[in-house]
PDB file of N, CA and C in Angstrom:
ATOM      1  N   MET A   1     130.063 -34.768 -37.887  1.00  0.00           N
ATOM      2  CA  MET A   1     131.295 -34.983 -37.309  1.00  0.00           C
ATOM      3  C   MET A   1     131.263 -35.392 -35.823  1.00  0.00           C
ATOM      4  N   GLU A   2     132.215 -36.145 -35.591  1.00  0.00           N
ATOM      5  CA  GLU A   2     132.299 -36.746 -34.166  1.00  0.00           C
ATOM      6  C   GLU A   2     133.005 -35.807 -33.342  1.00  0.00           C
ATOM      7  N   TRP A   3     133.105 -35.978 -32.002  1.00  0.00           N
ATOM      8  CA  TRP A   3     133.844 -34.992 -31.050  1.00  0.00           C
ATOM      9  C   TRP A   3     134.522 -36.149 -30.414  1.00  0.00           C
ATOM     10  N   SER A   4     135.901 -35.594 -29.710  1.00  0.00           N
ATOM     11  CA  SER A   4     136.550 -36.386 -28.905  1.00  0.00           C
ATOM     12  C   SER A   4     136.950 -35.584 -27.858  1.00  0.00           C
ATOM     13  N   VAL A   5     137.500 -36.124 -26.726  1.00  0.00           N
ATOM     14  CA  VAL A   5     138.123 -35.194 -25.499  1.00  0.00           C
ATOM     15  C   VAL A   5     139.489 -35.022 -25.900  1.00  0.00           C
ATOM     16  N   HIS A   6     139.676 -33.499 -25.872  1.00  0.00           N
ATOM     17  CA  HIS A   6     141.194 -33.301 -26.541  1.00  0.00           C
ATOM     18  C   HIS A   6     141.950 -32.863 -25.391  1.00  0.00           C
ATOM     19  N   THR A   7     141.446 -32.382 -24.178  1.00  0.00           N
ATOM     20  CA  THR A   7     142.283 -32.021 -22.932  1.00  0.00           C
ATOM     21  C   THR A   7     141.138 -32.433 -21.613  1.00  0.00           C
ATOM     22  N   GLU A   8     141.583 -32.922 -20.694  1.00  0.00           N
ATOM     23  CA  GLU A   8     140.946 -33.434 -19.380  1.00  0.00           C
ATOM     24  C   GLU A   8     141.779 -33.346 -18.349  1.00  0.00           C
ATOM     25  N   THR A   9     141.340 -32.458 -17.273  1.00  0.00           N
ATOM     26  CA  THR A   9     141.846 -32.297 -15.925  1.00  0.00           C
ATOM     27  C   THR A   9     140.999 -32.537 -14.938  1.00  0.00           C
ATOM     28  N   ASP A  10     141.139 -32.339 -13.754  1.00  0.00           N
ATOM     29  CA  ASP A  10     140.261 -32.450 -12.662  1.00  0.00           C
ATOM     30  C   ASP A  10     138.954 -31.240 -12.742  1.00  0.00           C
ATOM     31  N   ARG A  11     139.633 -30.299 -13.298  1.00  0.00           N
ATOM     32  CA  ARG A  11     138.556 -29.032 -13.364  1.00  0.00           C
ATOM     33  C   ARG A  11     138.197 -28.651 -14.703  1.00  0.00           C
ATOM     34  N   LEU A  12     138.946 -29.199 -15.820  1.00  0.00           N
ATOM     35  CA  LEU A  12     138.526 -28.832 -17.331  1.00  0.00           C
ATOM     36  C   LEU A  12     138.505 -29.943 -18.300  1.00  0.00           C
ATOM     37  N   THR A  13     137.450 -29.805 -19.124  1.00  0.00           N
ATOM     38  CA  THR A  13     137.399 -30.827 -20.181  1.00  0.00           C
ATOM     39  C   THR A  13     137.194 -30.312 -21.422  1.00  0.00           C
ATOM     40  N   GLU A  14     138.054 -30.694 -22.273  1.00  0.00           N
ATOM     41  CA  GLU A  14     137.619 -29.559 -23.708  1.00  0.00           C
ATOM     42  C   GLU A  14     137.562 -30.843 -24.685  1.00  0.00           C
ATOM     43  N   TRP A  15     136.388 -30.510 -25.638  1.00  0.00           N
ATOM     44  CA  TRP A  15     136.227 -31.495 -26.779  1.00  0.00           C
ATOM     45  C   TRP A  15     136.497 -30.779 -28.031  1.00  0.00           C
ATOM     46  N   GLN A  16     137.083 -31.576 -28.883  1.00  0.00           N
ATOM     47  CA  GLN A  16     137.361 -31.126 -30.379  1.00  0.00           C
ATOM     48  C   GLN A  16     136.562 -31.945 -31.375  1.00  0.00           C
ATOM     49  N   ARG A  17     135.994 -31.150 -32.145  1.00  0.00           N
ATOM     50  CA  ARG A  17     135.540 -31.860 -33.498  1.00  0.00           C
ATOM     51  C   ARG A  17     136.512 -32.322 -34.379  1.00  0.00           C
ATOM     52  N   GLU A  18     136.024 -33.576 -34.843  1.00  0.00           N
ATOM     53  CA  GLU A  18     137.254 -34.404 -35.668  1.00  0.00           C
ATOM     54  C   GLU A  18     137.894 -33.449 -36.564  1.00  0.00           C
ATOM     55  N   ASP A  19     137.445 -32.473 -37.306  1.00  0.00           N
ATOM     56  CA  ASP A  19     138.135 -31.427 -38.381  1.00  0.00           C
ATOM     57  C   ASP A  19     138.928 -30.733 -37.577  1.00  0.00           C
ATOM     58  N   GLY A  20     138.824 -30.528 -36.293  1.00  0.00           N
ATOM     59  CA  GLY A  20     139.712 -29.489 -35.575  1.00  0.00           C
ATOM     60  C   GLY A  20     138.966 -27.971 -35.570  1.00  0.00           C
ATOM     61  N   TYR A  21     138.109 -27.725 -36.377  1.00  0.00           N
ATOM     62  CA  TYR A  21     137.729 -26.576 -36.539  1.00  0.00           C
ATOM     63  C   TYR A  21     136.752 -25.539 -35.286  1.00  0.00           C
ATOM     64  N   VAL A  22     136.395 -26.734 -34.368  1.00  0.00           N
ATOM     65  CA  VAL A  22     135.533 -26.386 -33.269  1.00  0.00           C
ATOM     66  C   VAL A  22     136.026 -27.057 -32.143  1.00  0.00           C
ATOM     67  N   THR A  23     136.087 -26.286 -30.924  1.00  0.00           N
ATOM     68  CA  THR A  23     135.989 -26.740 -29.612  1.00  0.00           C
ATOM     69  C   THR A  23     135.120 -26.265 -28.526  1.00  0.00           C
ATOM     70  N   ILE A  24     134.772 -27.081 -27.595  1.00  0.00           N
ATOM     71  CA  ILE A  24     133.814 -26.922 -26.709  1.00  0.00           C
ATOM     72  C   ILE A  24     134.643 -27.132 -25.441  1.00  0.00           C
ATOM     73  N   ARG A  25     134.844 -26.280 -24.494  1.00  0.00           N
ATOM     74  CA  ARG A  25     135.345 -26.160 -23.111  1.00  0.00           C
ATOM     75  C   ARG A  25     134.278 -26.037 -22.097  1.00  0.00           C
ATOM     76  N   LYS A  26     134.657 -26.911 -21.016  1.00  0.00           N
ATOM     77  CA  LYS A  26     133.832 -26.927 -19.658  1.00  0.00           C
ATOM     78  C   LYS A  26     134.924 -26.722 -18.626  1.00  0.00           C
ATOM     79  N   ARG A  27     134.605 -25.618 -17.742  1.00  0.00           N
ATOM     80  CA  ARG A  27     135.672 -25.373 -16.854  1.00  0.00           C
ATOM     81  C   ARG A  27     134.915 -25.008 -15.590  1.00  0.00           C
ATOM     82  N   GLU A  28     135.551 -25.589 -14.421  1.00  0.00           N
ATOM     83  CA  GLU A  28     134.884 -25.245 -13.027  1.00  0.00           C
ATOM     84  C   GLU A  28     135.660 -23.834 -12.629  1.00  0.00           C
ATOM     85  N   ARG A  29     134.676 -22.999 -12.036  1.00  0.00           N
ATOM     86  CA  ARG A  29     135.629 -21.648 -11.625  1.00  0.00           C
ATOM     87  C   ARG A  29     135.746 -21.902 -10.264  1.00  0.00           C
ATOM     88  N   PRO A  30     136.800 -20.926  -9.924  1.00  0.00           N
ATOM     89  CA  PRO A  30     136.926 -20.944  -8.443  1.00  0.00           C
ATOM     90  C   PRO A  30     135.757 -20.638  -7.363  1.00  0.00           C
ATOM     91  N   ASP A  31     134.809 -19.928  -7.920  1.00  0.00           N
ATOM     92  CA  ASP A  31     133.501 -19.904  -7.280  1.00  0.00           C
ATOM     93  C   ASP A  31     132.592 -21.073  -7.061  1.00  0.00           C
ATOM     94  N   GLY A  32     133.028 -21.989  -7.728  1.00  0.00           N
ATOM     95  CA  GLY A  32     132.127 -23.218  -7.702  1.00  0.00           C
ATOM     96  C   GLY A  32     131.147 -23.424  -8.964  1.00  0.00           C
ATOM     97  N   ARG A  33     130.976 -22.369  -9.772  1.00  0.00           N
ATOM     98  CA  ARG A  33     130.011 -22.269 -11.012  1.00  0.00           C
ATOM     99  C   ARG A  33     130.967 -23.018 -11.877  1.00  0.00           C
ATOM    100  N   VAL A  34     130.147 -23.252 -13.338  1.00  0.00           N
ATOM    101  CA  VAL A  34     130.966 -23.834 -14.283  1.00  0.00           C
ATOM    102  C   VAL A  34     130.596 -23.003 -15.473  1.00  0.00           C
ATOM    103  N   SER A  35     131.965 -22.581 -16.212  1.00  0.00           N
ATOM    104  CA  SER A  35     131.878 -21.920 -17.211  1.00  0.00           C
ATOM    105  C   SER A  35     132.083 -22.933 -18.728  1.00  0.00           C
ATOM    106  N   VAL A  36     131.110 -22.548 -19.656  1.00  0.00           N
ATOM    107  CA  VAL A  36     131.365 -23.524 -20.923  1.00  0.00           C
ATOM    108  C   VAL A  36     131.204 -22.543 -21.990  1.00  0.00           C
ATOM    109  N   ARG A  37     132.086 -22.816 -22.814  1.00  0.00           N
ATOM    110  CA  ARG A  37     132.191 -22.129 -24.216  1.00  0.00           C
ATOM    111  C   ARG A  37     132.299 -22.848 -25.407  1.00  0.00           C
ATOM    112  N   VAL A  38     132.137 -22.289 -26.465  1.00  0.00           N
ATOM    113  CA  VAL A  38     132.231 -22.887 -27.691  1.00  0.00           C
ATOM    114  C   VAL A  38     132.961 -22.202 -28.680  1.00  0.00           C
ATOM    115  N   ASP A  39     134.125 -22.596 -29.467  1.00  0.00           N
ATOM    116  CA  ASP A  39     134.931 -21.617 -30.128  1.00  0.00           C
ATOM    117  C   ASP A  39     134.814 -22.243 -31.566  1.00  0.00           C
ATOM    118  N   LYS A  40     134.563 -21.700 -32.428  1.00  0.00           N
ATOM    119  CA  LYS A  40     134.423 -22.372 -33.980  1.00  0.00           C
ATOM    120  C   LYS A  40     135.396 -21.162 -34.787  1.00  0.00           C
ATOM    121  N   LEU A  41     136.366 -21.881 -35.303  1.00  0.00           N
ATOM    122  CA  LEU A  41     137.363 -21.010 -35.982  1.00  0.00           C
ATOM    123  C   LEU A  41     136.715 -20.208 -37.292  1.00  0.00           C
ATOM    124  N   GLU A  42     137.274 -19.315 -37.680  1.00  0.00           N
ATOM    125  CA  GLU A  42     136.943 -18.490 -38.692  1.00  0.00           C
ATOM    126  C   GLU A  42     137.008 -19.043 -40.157  1.00  0.00           C
ATOM    127  N   GLN A  43     137.701 -20.035 -40.319  1.00  0.00           N
ATOM    128  CA  GLN A  43     137.888 -20.761 -41.423  1.00  0.00           C
ATOM    129  C   GLN A  43     136.852 -22.148 -41.420  1.00  0.00           C
ATOM    130  N   ALA A  44     136.225 -22.290 -40.419  1.00  0.00           N
ATOM    131  CA  ALA A  44     135.207 -23.470 -40.553  1.00  0.00           C
ATOM    132  C   ALA A  44     133.872 -22.963 -41.582  1.00  0.00           C
ATOM    133  N   ASP A  45     133.391 -24.111 -41.926  1.00  0.00           N
ATOM    134  CA  ASP A  45     132.118 -23.558 -42.629  1.00  0.00           C
ATOM    135  C   ASP A  45     131.139 -22.737 -41.943  1.00  0.00           C
ATOM    136  N   GLY A  46     130.374 -21.734 -42.639  1.00  0.00           N
ATOM    137  CA  GLY A  46     129.382 -21.070 -41.588  1.00  0.00           C
ATOM    138  C   GLY A  46     130.300 -19.870 -40.986  1.00  0.00           C
ATOM    139  N   GLY A  47     131.592 -19.736 -41.037  1.00  0.00           N
ATOM    140  CA  GLY A  47     132.214 -18.574 -40.388  1.00  0.00           C
ATOM    141  C   GLY A  47     132.481 -18.775 -39.041  1.00  0.00           C
ATOM    142  N   ARG A  48     132.962 -17.607 -38.470  1.00  0.00           N
ATOM    143  CA  ARG A  48     133.291 -17.736 -37.024  1.00  0.00           C
ATOM    144  C   ARG A  48     132.247 -17.721 -36.133  1.00  0.00           C
ATOM    145  N   ALA A  49     132.358 -18.294 -34.914  1.00  0.00           N
ATOM    146  CA  ALA A  49     131.418 -18.231 -33.916  1.00  0.00           C
ATOM    147  C   ALA A  49     131.916 -18.618 -32.581  1.00  0.00           C
ATOM    148  N   TYR A  50     131.366 -17.857 -31.504  1.00  0.00           N
ATOM    149  CA  TYR A  50     131.734 -17.872 -30.111  1.00  0.00           C
ATOM    150  C   TYR A  50     130.598 -17.502 -29.209  1.00  0.00           C
ATOM    151  N   ASP A  51     130.570 -18.493 -28.140  1.00  0.00           N
ATOM    152  CA  ASP A  51     129.415 -18.540 -27.330  1.00  0.00           C
ATOM    153  C   ASP A  51     129.930 -18.813 -25.938  1.00  0.00           C
ATOM    154  N   HIS A  52     129.435 -18.233 -25.037  1.00  0.00           N
ATOM    155  CA  HIS A  52     129.777 -18.617 -23.541  1.00  0.00           C
ATOM    156  C   HIS A  52     128.700 -18.545 -22.606  1.00  0.00           C
ATOM    157  N   ALA A  53     128.879 -19.324 -21.497  1.00  0.00           N
ATOM    158  CA  ALA A  53     127.855 -19.473 -20.646  1.00  0.00           C
ATOM    159  C   ALA A  53     128.303 -19.916 -19.163  1.00  0.00           C
ATOM    160  N   VAL A  54     127.827 -19.225 -18.183  1.00  0.00           N
ATOM    161  CA  VAL A  54     128.303 -19.763 -16.854  1.00  0.00           C
ATOM    162  C   VAL A  54     126.813 -20.032 -15.994  1.00  0.00           C
ATOM    163  N   VAL A  55     127.206 -21.375 -15.656  1.00  0.00           N
ATOM    164  CA  VAL A  55     125.947 -21.893 -14.887  1.00  0.00           C
ATOM    165  C   VAL A  55     126.291 -22.348 -13.433  1.00  0.00           C
ATOM    166  N   ASP A  56     125.275 -22.883 -12.810  1.00  0.00           N
ATOM    167  CA  ASP A  56     125.517 -23.125 -11.291  1.00  0.00           C
ATOM    168  C   ASP A  56     125.961 -24.625 -11.103  1.00  0.00           C
ATOM    169  N   THR A  57     125.629 -25.560 -11.844  1.00  0.00           N
ATOM    170  CA  THR A  57     125.978 -26.758 -11.745  1.00  0.00           C
ATOM    171  C   THR A  57     126.664 -27.401 -13.021  1.00  0.00           C
ATOM    172  N   ASP A  58     127.371 -28.588 -12.758  1.00  0.00           N
ATOM    173  CA  ASP A  58     127.826 -29.490 -13.851  1.00  0.00           C
ATOM    174  C   ASP A  58     126.841 -30.093 -14.741  1.00  0.00           C
ATOM    175  N   ALA A  59     125.777 -30.390 -14.150  1.00  0.00           N
ATOM    176  CA  ALA A  59     124.578 -31.107 -14.918  1.00  0.00           C
ATOM    177  C   ALA A  59     124.108 -30.012 -15.846  1.00  0.00           C
ATOM    178  N   ALA A  60     124.053 -28.789 -15.470  1.00  0.00           N
ATOM    179  CA  ALA A  60     123.522 -27.828 -16.248  1.00  0.00           C
ATOM    180  C   ALA A  60     124.489 -27.397 -17.373  1.00  0.00           C
ATOM    181  N   ALA A  61     125.930 -27.438 -17.245  1.00  0.00           N
ATOM    182  CA  ALA A  61     126.858 -27.306 -18.090  1.00  0.00           C
ATOM    183  C   ALA A  61     126.920 -28.588 -19.091  1.00  0.00           C
ATOM    184  N   ALA A  62     126.701 -29.707 -18.377  1.00  0.00           N
ATOM    185  CA  ALA A  62     126.644 -30.861 -19.610  1.00  0.00           C
ATOM    186  C   ALA A  62     125.555 -30.842 -20.533  1.00  0.00           C
ATOM    187  N   GLU A  63     124.277 -30.323 -20.108  1.00  0.00           N
ATOM    188  CA  GLU A  63     123.442 -30.021 -21.125  1.00  0.00           C
ATOM    189  C   GLU A  63     123.644 -29.044 -22.169  1.00  0.00           C
ATOM    190  N   ILE A  64     124.390 -28.152 -21.834  1.00  0.00           N
ATOM    191  CA  ILE A  64     124.748 -27.120 -22.973  1.00  0.00           C
ATOM    192  C   ILE A  64     125.877 -27.780 -23.832  1.00  0.00           C
ATOM    193  N   VAL A  65     126.735 -28.460 -23.080  1.00  0.00           N
ATOM    194  CA  VAL A  65     127.584 -29.240 -24.038  1.00  0.00           C
ATOM    195  C   VAL A  65     127.085 -29.998 -24.934  1.00  0.00           C
ATOM    196  N   SER A  66     126.241 -30.719 -24.591  1.00  0.00           N
ATOM    197  CA  SER A  66     125.485 -31.737 -25.311  1.00  0.00           C
ATOM    198  C   SER A  66     124.652 -31.155 -26.433  1.00  0.00           C
ATOM    199  N   GLU A  67     124.120 -29.983 -26.039  1.00  0.00           N
ATOM    200  CA  GLU A  67     123.356 -28.969 -27.354  1.00  0.00           C
ATOM    201  C   GLU A  67     124.348 -28.626 -28.244  1.00  0.00           C
ATOM    202  N   TRP A  68     125.499 -27.954 -27.849  1.00  0.00           N
ATOM    203  CA  TRP A  68     126.363 -27.345 -28.751  1.00  0.00           C
ATOM    204  C   TRP A  68     126.842 -28.620 -29.584  1.00  0.00           C
ATOM    205  N   GLN A  69     127.205 -29.600 -29.099  1.00  0.00           N
ATOM    206  CA  GLN A  69     127.892 -30.581 -29.963  1.00  0.00           C
ATOM    207  C   GLN A  69     126.851 -31.149 -31.043  1.00  0.00           C
ATOM    208  N   GLN A  70     125.596 -31.082 -30.605  1.00  0.00           N
ATOM    209  CA  GLN A  70     124.550 -31.391 -31.742  1.00  0.00           C
ATOM    210  C   GLN A  70     124.329 -30.187 -32.586  1.00  0.00           C
ATOM    211  N   THR A  71     124.531 -28.969 -32.018  1.00  0.00           N
ATOM    212  CA  THR A  71     124.489 -27.633 -33.200  1.00  0.00           C
ATOM    213  C   THR A  71     125.854 -27.602 -34.011  1.00  0.00           C
ATOM    214  N   TYR A  72     126.943 -28.004 -33.439  1.00  0.00           N
ATOM    215  CA  TYR A  72     127.926 -27.811 -34.147  1.00  0.00           C
ATOM    216  C   TYR A  72     128.485 -29.159 -34.800  1.00  0.00           C
ATOM    217  N   ARG A  73     127.819 -30.195 -34.885  1.00  0.00           N
ATOM    218  CA  ARG A  73     128.135 -31.274 -35.417  1.00  0.00           C
ATOM    219  C   ARG A  73     128.690 -31.433 -36.993  1.00  0.00           C
ATOM    220  N   LYS A  74     127.842 -30.708 -37.703  1.00  0.00           N
ATOM    221  CA  LYS A  74     128.050 -30.422 -39.199  1.00  0.00           C
ATOM    222  C   LYS A  74     129.416 -29.707 -39.415  1.00  0.00           C
TER     223      LYS A  74
END
């Protein structure tokens, strides 16, 4: 399934999978680090999933987003 940007501001971007069951959010924290989380709804195939990471750079966060988009593409 494809991903599209659902919400975008100067400090936050959220992608949503086309079926609406999975979202990935990347947010700049006040301390300058970047928080990334994936949230898969319980009704989604494979059951509920949630993961979270905090990294030092936007580039590192972008790598995690890309990885999760591939992992949760189905």
